[in-house]
Amino acid sequence: MASHTVGVHEAKTQFSRLLHDVEAGEEVLVTRGGTPVARIVPVIPPNRIAASRGMFAGRFRLPDDFEDDEDELGDLFGLPR
């Protein structure tokens, strides 16, 4: 992801242009007195998030005895029996 840095004054006066840059995939770092104060980044579309939720469906299977070692896991994490 390409990025560029702008000061607060430029961000205020060129906000519309910066939004076009962000929509094109760029990240904009906003600084005040040379110190970074904010990042403007593209929003991940909801349909892209939803598609990624099932991306591993059917690709692996938990063993049938996966939960049989509950006591061992509890011991490892200090959980009461």
PDB file of N, CA and C in Angstrom:
ATOM      1  N   MET A   1       0.863  -1.170   0.000  1.00  0.00           N
ATOM      2  CA  MET A   1       0.000   0.000   0.000  1.00  0.00           C
ATOM      3  C   MET A   1       0.909   1.233   0.000  1.00  0.00           C
ATOM      4  N   ALA A   2       0.763   2.054  -1.006  1.00  0.00           N
ATOM      5  CA  ALA A   2       1.546   3.283  -1.091  1.00  0.00           C
ATOM      6  C   ALA A   2       1.042   4.274  -0.051  1.00  0.00           C
ATOM      7  N   SER A   3       1.943   5.116   0.427  1.00  0.00           N
ATOM      8  CA  SER A   3       1.515   6.107   1.406  1.00  0.00           C
ATOM      9  C   SER A   3       2.272   7.407   1.203  1.00  0.00           C
ATOM     10  N   HIS A   4       1.692   8.466   1.712  1.00  0.00           N
ATOM     11  CA  HIS A   4       2.395   9.741   1.732  1.00  0.00           C
ATOM     12  C   HIS A   4       1.997  10.519   2.971  1.00  0.00           C
ATOM     13  N   THR A   5       2.790  11.537   3.280  1.00  0.00           N
ATOM     14  CA  THR A   5       2.624  12.306   4.507  1.00  0.00           C
ATOM     15  C   THR A   5       2.219  13.731   4.175  1.00  0.00           C
ATOM     16  N   VAL A   6       1.261  14.243   4.934  1.00  0.00           N
ATOM     17  CA  VAL A   6       0.837  15.632   4.770  1.00  0.00           C
ATOM     18  C   VAL A   6       0.700  16.268   6.150  1.00  0.00           C
ATOM     19  N   GLY A   7       0.869  17.582   6.206  1.00  0.00           N
ATOM     20  CA  GLY A   7       0.647  18.314   7.441  1.00  0.00           C
ATOM     21  C   GLY A   7      -0.835  18.572   7.644  1.00  0.00           C
ATOM     22  N   VAL A   8      -1.192  18.983   8.846  1.00  0.00           N
ATOM     23  CA  VAL A   8      -2.592  19.235   9.177  1.00  0.00           C
ATOM     24  C   VAL A   8      -3.205  20.280   8.247  1.00  0.00           C
ATOM     25  N   HIS A   9      -2.480  21.355   7.980  1.00  0.00           N
ATOM     26  CA  HIS A   9      -3.014  22.426   7.120  1.00  0.00           C
ATOM     27  C   HIS A   9      -3.330  21.883   5.730  1.00  0.00           C
ATOM     28  N   GLU A  10      -2.399  21.136   5.144  1.00  0.00           N
ATOM     29  CA  GLU A  10      -2.651  20.563   3.815  1.00  0.00           C
ATOM     30  C   GLU A  10      -3.812  19.572   3.872  1.00  0.00           C
ATOM     31  N   ALA A  11      -3.884  18.777   4.931  1.00  0.00           N
ATOM     32  CA  ALA A  11      -4.976  17.813   5.060  1.00  0.00           C
ATOM     33  C   ALA A  11      -6.329  18.531   5.080  1.00  0.00           C
ATOM     34  N   LYS A  12      -6.381  19.682   5.784  1.00  0.00           N
ATOM     35  CA  LYS A  12      -7.632  20.436   5.846  1.00  0.00           C
ATOM     36  C   LYS A  12      -7.992  21.037   4.498  1.00  0.00           C
ATOM     37  N   THR A  13      -7.019  21.594   3.801  1.00  0.00           N
ATOM     38  CA  THR A  13      -7.315  22.281   2.539  1.00  0.00           C
ATOM     39  C   THR A  13      -7.462  21.322   1.362  1.00  0.00           C
ATOM     40  N   GLN A  14      -6.866  20.134   1.451  1.00  0.00           N
ATOM     41  CA  GLN A  14      -6.884  19.182   0.341  1.00  0.00           C
ATOM     42  C   GLN A  14      -7.612  17.886   0.692  1.00  0.00           C
ATOM     43  N   PHE A  15      -8.531  17.941   1.652  1.00  0.00           N
ATOM     44  CA  PHE A  15      -9.168  16.735   2.158  1.00  0.00           C
ATOM     45  C   PHE A  15      -9.839  15.912   1.057  1.00  0.00           C
ATOM     46  N   SER A  16     -10.544  16.566   0.163  1.00  0.00           N
ATOM     47  CA  SER A  16     -11.237  15.852  -0.909  1.00  0.00           C
ATOM     48  C   SER A  16     -10.244  15.087  -1.783  1.00  0.00           C
ATOM     49  N   ARG A  17      -9.130  15.730  -2.141  1.00  0.00           N
ATOM     50  CA  ARG A  17      -8.100  15.068  -2.951  1.00  0.00           C
ATOM     51  C   ARG A  17      -7.504  13.889  -2.194  1.00  0.00           C
ATOM     52  N   LEU A  18      -7.280  14.077  -0.888  1.00  0.00           N
ATOM     53  CA  LEU A  18      -6.719  12.994  -0.080  1.00  0.00           C
ATOM     54  C   LEU A  18      -7.670  11.800  -0.046  1.00  0.00           C
ATOM     55  N   LEU A  19      -8.971  12.067   0.029  1.00  0.00           N
ATOM     56  CA  LEU A  19      -9.935  10.968   0.018  1.00  0.00           C
ATOM     57  C   LEU A  19      -9.901  10.210  -1.304  1.00  0.00           C
ATOM     58  N   HIS A  20      -9.699  10.921  -2.405  1.00  0.00           N
ATOM     59  CA  HIS A  20      -9.548  10.246  -3.706  1.00  0.00           C
ATOM     60  C   HIS A  20      -8.310   9.350  -3.691  1.00  0.00           C
ATOM     61  N   ASP A  21      -7.218   9.851  -3.116  1.00  0.00           N
ATOM     62  CA  ASP A  21      -5.988   9.050  -3.008  1.00  0.00           C
ATOM     63  C   ASP A  21      -6.234   7.790  -2.177  1.00  0.00           C
ATOM     64  N   VAL A  22      -6.960   7.948  -1.078  1.00  0.00           N
ATOM     65  CA  VAL A  22      -7.253   6.807  -0.199  1.00  0.00           C
ATOM     66  C   VAL A  22      -8.144   5.806  -0.924  1.00  0.00           C
ATOM     67  N   GLU A  23      -9.135   6.295  -1.646  1.00  0.00           N
ATOM     68  CA  GLU A  23     -10.000   5.397  -2.416  1.00  0.00           C
ATOM     69  C   GLU A  23      -9.211   4.618  -3.462  1.00  0.00           C
ATOM     70  N   ALA A  24      -8.110   5.203  -3.924  1.00  0.00           N
ATOM     71  CA  ALA A  24      -7.246   4.537  -4.904  1.00  0.00           C
ATOM     72  C   ALA A  24      -6.282   3.562  -4.238  1.00  0.00           C
ATOM     73  N   GLY A  25      -6.377   3.418  -2.914  1.00  0.00           N
ATOM     74  CA  GLY A  25      -5.557   2.443  -2.216  1.00  0.00           C
ATOM     75  C   GLY A  25      -4.383   3.002  -1.439  1.00  0.00           C
ATOM     76  N   GLU A  26      -4.214   4.315  -1.460  1.00  0.00           N
ATOM     77  CA  GLU A  26      -3.100   4.914  -0.717  1.00  0.00           C
ATOM     78  C   GLU A  26      -3.457   5.109   0.749  1.00  0.00           C
ATOM     79  N   GLU A  27      -2.427   5.203   1.562  1.00  0.00           N
ATOM     80  CA  GLU A  27      -2.574   5.533   2.974  1.00  0.00           C
ATOM     81  C   GLU A  27      -1.974   6.918   3.158  1.00  0.00           C
ATOM     82  N   VAL A  28      -2.649   7.770   3.918  1.00  0.00           N
ATOM     83  CA  VAL A  28      -2.174   9.129   4.148  1.00  0.00           C
ATOM     84  C   VAL A  28      -1.856   9.290   5.636  1.00  0.00           C
ATOM     85  N   LEU A  29      -0.639   9.722   5.913  1.00  0.00           N
ATOM     86  CA  LEU A  29      -0.221   9.995   7.281  1.00  0.00           C
ATOM     87  C   LEU A  29      -0.307  11.497   7.507  1.00  0.00           C
ATOM     88  N   VAL A  30      -1.032  11.904   8.533  1.00  0.00           N
ATOM     89  CA  VAL A  30      -1.209  13.328   8.839  1.00  0.00           C
ATOM     90  C   VAL A  30      -0.303  13.663  10.024  1.00  0.00           C
ATOM     91  N   THR A  31       0.474  14.733   9.857  1.00  0.00           N
ATOM     92  CA  THR A  31       1.398  15.153  10.910  1.00  0.00           C
ATOM     93  C   THR A  31       1.078  16.553  11.401  1.00  0.00           C
ATOM     94  N   ARG A  32       1.461  16.822  12.653  1.00  0.00           N
ATOM     95  CA  ARG A  32       1.365  18.169  13.214  1.00  0.00           C
ATOM     96  C   ARG A  32       2.750  18.489  13.757  1.00  0.00           C
ATOM     97  N   GLY A  33       3.377  19.488  13.184  1.00  0.00           N
ATOM     98  CA  GLY A  33       4.724  19.851  13.606  1.00  0.00           C
ATOM     99  C   GLY A  33       5.716  18.721  13.390  1.00  0.00           C
ATOM    100  N   GLY A  34       5.490  17.911  12.360  1.00  0.00           N
ATOM    101  CA  GLY A  34       6.382  16.811  12.048  1.00  0.00           C
ATOM    102  C   GLY A  34       6.097  15.533  12.832  1.00  0.00           C
ATOM    103  N   THR A  35       5.149  15.579  13.763  1.00  0.00           N
ATOM    104  CA  THR A  35       4.807  14.407  14.564  1.00  0.00           C
ATOM    105  C   THR A  35       3.545  13.758  14.011  1.00  0.00           C
ATOM    106  N   PRO A  36       3.567  12.470  13.701  1.00  0.00           N
ATOM    107  CA  PRO A  36       2.364  11.799  13.189  1.00  0.00           C
ATOM    108  C   PRO A  36       1.232  11.857  14.203  1.00  0.00           C
ATOM    109  N   VAL A  37       0.034  12.222  13.729  1.00  0.00           N
ATOM    110  CA  VAL A  37      -1.133  12.302  14.610  1.00  0.00           C
ATOM    111  C   VAL A  37      -2.308  11.452  14.116  1.00  0.00           C
ATOM    112  N   ALA A  38      -2.316  11.071  12.840  1.00  0.00           N
ATOM    113  CA  ALA A  38      -3.444  10.298  12.313  1.00  0.00           C
ATOM    114  C   ALA A  38      -3.045   9.615  11.013  1.00  0.00           C
ATOM    115  N   ARG A  39      -3.778   8.551  10.712  1.00  0.00           N
ATOM    116  CA  ARG A  39      -3.650   7.869   9.427  1.00  0.00           C
ATOM    117  C   ARG A  39      -5.020   7.816   8.782  1.00  0.00           C
ATOM    118  N   ILE A  40      -5.078   8.083   7.498  1.00  0.00           N
ATOM    119  CA  ILE A  40      -6.308   7.925   6.736  1.00  0.00           C
ATOM    120  C   ILE A  40      -6.080   6.708   5.847  1.00  0.00           C
ATOM    121  N   VAL A  41      -6.900   5.681   6.046  1.00  0.00           N
ATOM    122  CA  VAL A  41      -6.715   4.418   5.325  1.00  0.00           C
ATOM    123  C   VAL A  41      -8.028   3.998   4.680  1.00  0.00           C
ATOM    124  N   PRO A  42      -7.960   3.189   3.614  1.00  0.00           N
ATOM    125  CA  PRO A  42      -9.195   2.708   2.993  1.00  0.00           C
ATOM    126  C   PRO A  42      -9.967   1.799   3.942  1.00  0.00           C
ATOM    127  N   VAL A  43     -11.285   1.820   3.819  1.00  0.00           N
ATOM    128  CA  VAL A  43     -12.157   0.940   4.593  1.00  0.00           C
ATOM    129  C   VAL A  43     -12.240  -0.392   3.857  1.00  0.00           C
ATOM    130  N   ILE A  44     -12.178  -1.494   4.600  1.00  0.00           N
ATOM    131  CA  ILE A  44     -12.333  -2.815   3.988  1.00  0.00           C
ATOM    132  C   ILE A  44     -13.825  -3.035   3.756  1.00  0.00           C
ATOM    133  N   PRO A  45     -14.217  -3.287   2.515  1.00  0.00           N
ATOM    134  CA  PRO A  45     -15.639  -3.476   2.226  1.00  0.00           C
ATOM    135  C   PRO A  45     -16.207  -4.659   3.017  1.00  0.00           C
ATOM    136  N   PRO A  46     -17.434  -4.532   3.534  1.00  0.00           N
ATOM    137  CA  PRO A  46     -18.031  -5.615   4.322  1.00  0.00           C
ATOM    138  C   PRO A  46     -18.075  -6.951   3.594  1.00  0.00           C
ATOM    139  N   ASN A  47     -18.320  -6.945   2.285  1.00  0.00           N
ATOM    140  CA  ASN A  47     -18.397  -8.208   1.550  1.00  0.00           C
ATOM    141  C   ASN A  47     -17.037  -8.904   1.507  1.00  0.00           C
ATOM    142  N   ARG A  48     -15.946  -8.165   1.552  1.00  0.00           N
ATOM    143  CA  ARG A  48     -14.615  -8.760   1.568  1.00  0.00           C
ATOM    144  C   ARG A  48     -14.335  -9.400   2.929  1.00  0.00           C
ATOM    145  N   ILE A  49     -14.823  -8.757   3.995  1.00  0.00           N
ATOM    146  CA  ILE A  49     -14.658  -9.315   5.337  1.00  0.00           C
ATOM    147  C   ILE A  49     -15.457 -10.614   5.445  1.00  0.00           C
ATOM    148  N   ALA A  50     -16.705 -10.588   4.998  1.00  0.00           N
ATOM    149  CA  ALA A  50     -17.561 -11.770   5.086  1.00  0.00           C
ATOM    150  C   ALA A  50     -16.972 -12.927   4.284  1.00  0.00           C
ATOM    151  N   ALA A  51     -16.406 -12.641   3.132  1.00  0.00           N
ATOM    152  CA  ALA A  51     -15.824 -13.698   2.305  1.00  0.00           C
ATOM    153  C   ALA A  51     -14.638 -14.345   2.998  1.00  0.00           C
ATOM    154  N   SER A  52     -13.891 -13.579   3.778  1.00  0.00           N
ATOM    155  CA  SER A  52     -12.706 -14.123   4.422  1.00  0.00           C
ATOM    156  C   SER A  52     -13.063 -15.002   5.615  1.00  0.00           C
ATOM    157  N   ARG A  53     -14.260 -14.872   6.172  1.00  0.00           N
ATOM    158  CA  ARG A  53     -14.639 -15.653   7.350  1.00  0.00           C
ATOM    159  C   ARG A  53     -14.690 -17.145   7.054  1.00  0.00           C
ATOM    160  N   GLY A  54     -15.089 -17.525   5.872  1.00  0.00           N
ATOM    161  CA  GLY A  54     -15.197 -18.938   5.546  1.00  0.00           C
ATOM    162  C   GLY A  54     -14.073 -19.433   4.670  1.00  0.00           C
ATOM    163  N   MET A  55     -12.997 -18.700   4.623  1.00  0.00           N
ATOM    164  CA  MET A  55     -11.935 -19.040   3.680  1.00  0.00           C
ATOM    165  C   MET A  55     -11.250 -20.378   3.975  1.00  0.00           C
ATOM    166  N   PHE A  56     -11.329 -20.868   5.215  1.00  0.00           N
ATOM    167  CA  PHE A  56     -10.699 -22.142   5.544  1.00  0.00           C
ATOM    168  C   PHE A  56     -11.709 -23.278   5.680  1.00  0.00           C
ATOM    169  N   ALA A  57     -12.970 -23.009   5.368  1.00  0.00           N
ATOM    170  CA  ALA A  57     -14.003 -24.032   5.487  1.00  0.00           C
ATOM    171  C   ALA A  57     -13.642 -25.240   4.623  1.00  0.00           C
ATOM    172  N   GLY A  58     -13.663 -26.415   5.255  1.00  0.00           N
ATOM    173  CA  GLY A  58     -13.382 -27.651   4.529  1.00  0.00           C
ATOM    174  C   GLY A  58     -11.919 -27.927   4.274  1.00  0.00           C
ATOM    175  N   ARG A  59     -11.024 -27.069   4.723  1.00  0.00           N
ATOM    176  CA  ARG A  59      -9.592 -27.250   4.451  1.00  0.00           C
ATOM    177  C   ARG A  59      -8.865 -28.028   5.536  1.00  0.00           C
ATOM    178  N   PHE A  60      -9.441 -28.097   6.713  1.00  0.00           N
ATOM    179  CA  PHE A  60      -8.827 -28.903   7.759  1.00  0.00           C
ATOM    180  C   PHE A  60      -9.912 -29.455   8.666  1.00  0.00           C
ATOM    181  N   ARG A  61      -9.549 -30.482   9.413  1.00  0.00           N
ATOM    182  CA  ARG A  61     -10.507 -31.139  10.283  1.00  0.00           C
ATOM    183  C   ARG A  61      -9.845 -31.358  11.633  1.00  0.00           C
ATOM    184  N   LEU A  62     -10.574 -31.054  12.700  1.00  0.00           N
ATOM    185  CA  LEU A  62     -10.057 -31.304  14.041  1.00  0.00           C
ATOM    186  C   LEU A  62     -10.143 -32.798  14.328  1.00  0.00           C
ATOM    187  N   PRO A  63      -9.142 -33.353  15.000  1.00  0.00           N
ATOM    188  CA  PRO A  63      -9.208 -34.775  15.337  1.00  0.00           C
ATOM    189  C   PRO A  63     -10.381 -35.050  16.279  1.00  0.00           C
ATOM    190  N   ASP A  64     -10.897 -36.273  16.231  1.00  0.00           N
ATOM    191  CA  ASP A  64     -12.048 -36.646  17.065  1.00  0.00           C
ATOM    192  C   ASP A  64     -11.741 -36.502  18.554  1.00  0.00           C
ATOM    193  N   ASP A  65     -10.481 -36.675  18.941  1.00  0.00           N
ATOM    194  CA  ASP A  65     -10.114 -36.599  20.357  1.00  0.00           C
ATOM    195  C   ASP A  65      -9.593 -35.219  20.761  1.00  0.00           C
ATOM    196  N   PHE A  66      -9.927 -34.214  19.987  1.00  0.00           N
ATOM    197  CA  PHE A  66      -9.406 -32.862  20.230  1.00  0.00           C
ATOM    198  C   PHE A  66      -9.677 -32.366  21.643  1.00  0.00           C
ATOM    199  N   GLU A  67     -10.875 -32.608  22.155  1.00  0.00           N
ATOM    200  CA  GLU A  67     -11.247 -32.093  23.474  1.00  0.00           C
ATOM    201  C   GLU A  67     -10.945 -33.070  24.606  1.00  0.00           C
ATOM    202  N   ASP A  68     -10.358 -34.203  24.299  1.00  0.00           N
ATOM    203  CA  ASP A  68     -10.060 -35.198  25.332  1.00  0.00           C
ATOM    204  C   ASP A  68      -8.970 -34.731  26.291  1.00  0.00           C
ATOM    205  N   ASP A  69      -8.136 -33.826  25.887  1.00  0.00           N
ATOM    206  CA  ASP A  69      -7.028 -33.360  26.718  1.00  0.00           C
ATOM    207  C   ASP A  69      -7.374 -32.094  27.491  1.00  0.00           C
ATOM    208  N   GLU A  70      -8.661 -31.897  27.805  1.00  0.00           N
ATOM    209  CA  GLU A  70      -9.084 -30.693  28.518  1.00  0.00           C
ATOM    210  C   GLU A  70      -8.343 -30.504  29.831  1.00  0.00           C
ATOM    211  N   ASP A  71      -8.139 -31.587  30.584  1.00  0.00           N
ATOM    212  CA  ASP A  71      -7.447 -31.480  31.869  1.00  0.00           C
ATOM    213  C   ASP A  71      -6.005 -31.013  31.668  1.00  0.00           C
ATOM    214  N   GLU A  72      -5.366 -31.540  30.648  1.00  0.00           N
ATOM    215  CA  GLU A  72      -3.975 -31.153  30.374  1.00  0.00           C
ATOM    216  C   GLU A  72      -3.893 -29.672  30.017  1.00  0.00           C
ATOM    217  N   LEU A  73      -4.823 -29.198  29.199  1.00  0.00           N
ATOM    218  CA  LEU A  73      -4.839 -27.777  28.848  1.00  0.00           C
ATOM    219  C   LEU A  73      -5.113 -26.923  30.075  1.00  0.00           C
ATOM    220  N   GLY A  74      -6.029 -27.369  30.914  1.00  0.00           N
ATOM    221  CA  GLY A  74      -6.328 -26.642  32.149  1.00  0.00           C
ATOM    222  C   GLY A  74      -5.116 -26.549  33.043  1.00  0.00           C
ATOM    223  N   ASP A  75      -4.360 -27.647  33.135  1.00  0.00           N
ATOM    224  CA  ASP A  75      -3.135 -27.635  33.938  1.00  0.00           C
ATOM    225  C   ASP A  75      -2.122 -26.645  33.371  1.00  0.00           C
ATOM    226  N   LEU A  76      -2.008 -26.612  32.062  1.00  0.00           N
ATOM    227  CA  LEU A  76      -1.059 -25.692  31.413  1.00  0.00           C
ATOM    228  C   LEU A  76      -1.397 -24.234  31.697  1.00  0.00           C
ATOM    229  N   PHE A  77      -2.700 -23.921  31.756  1.00  0.00           N
ATOM    230  CA  PHE A  77      -3.124 -22.551  31.966  1.00  0.00           C
ATOM    231  C   PHE A  77      -3.572 -22.256  33.392  1.00  0.00           C
ATOM    232  N   GLY A  78      -3.364 -23.202  34.289  1.00  0.00           N
ATOM    233  CA  GLY A  78      -3.670 -22.978  35.697  1.00  0.00           C
ATOM    234  C   GLY A  78      -5.159 -22.901  35.998  1.00  0.00           C
ATOM    235  N   LEU A  79      -5.965 -23.604  35.226  1.00  0.00           N
ATOM    236  CA  LEU A  79      -7.414 -23.591  35.435  1.00  0.00           C
ATOM    237  C   LEU A  79      -7.789 -24.670  36.440  1.00  0.00           C
ATOM    238  N   PRO A  80      -8.796 -24.394  37.291  1.00  0.00           N
ATOM    239  CA  PRO A  80      -9.221 -25.425  38.258  1.00  0.00           C
ATOM    240  C   PRO A  80      -9.904 -26.594  37.540  1.00  0.00           C
ATOM    241  N   ARG A  81      -9.810 -27.769  38.120  1.00  0.00           N
ATOM    242  CA  ARG A  81     -10.454 -28.953  37.519  1.00  0.00           C
ATOM    243  C   ARG A  81     -11.883 -29.060  37.931  1.00  0.00           C
TER     244      ARG A  81
END
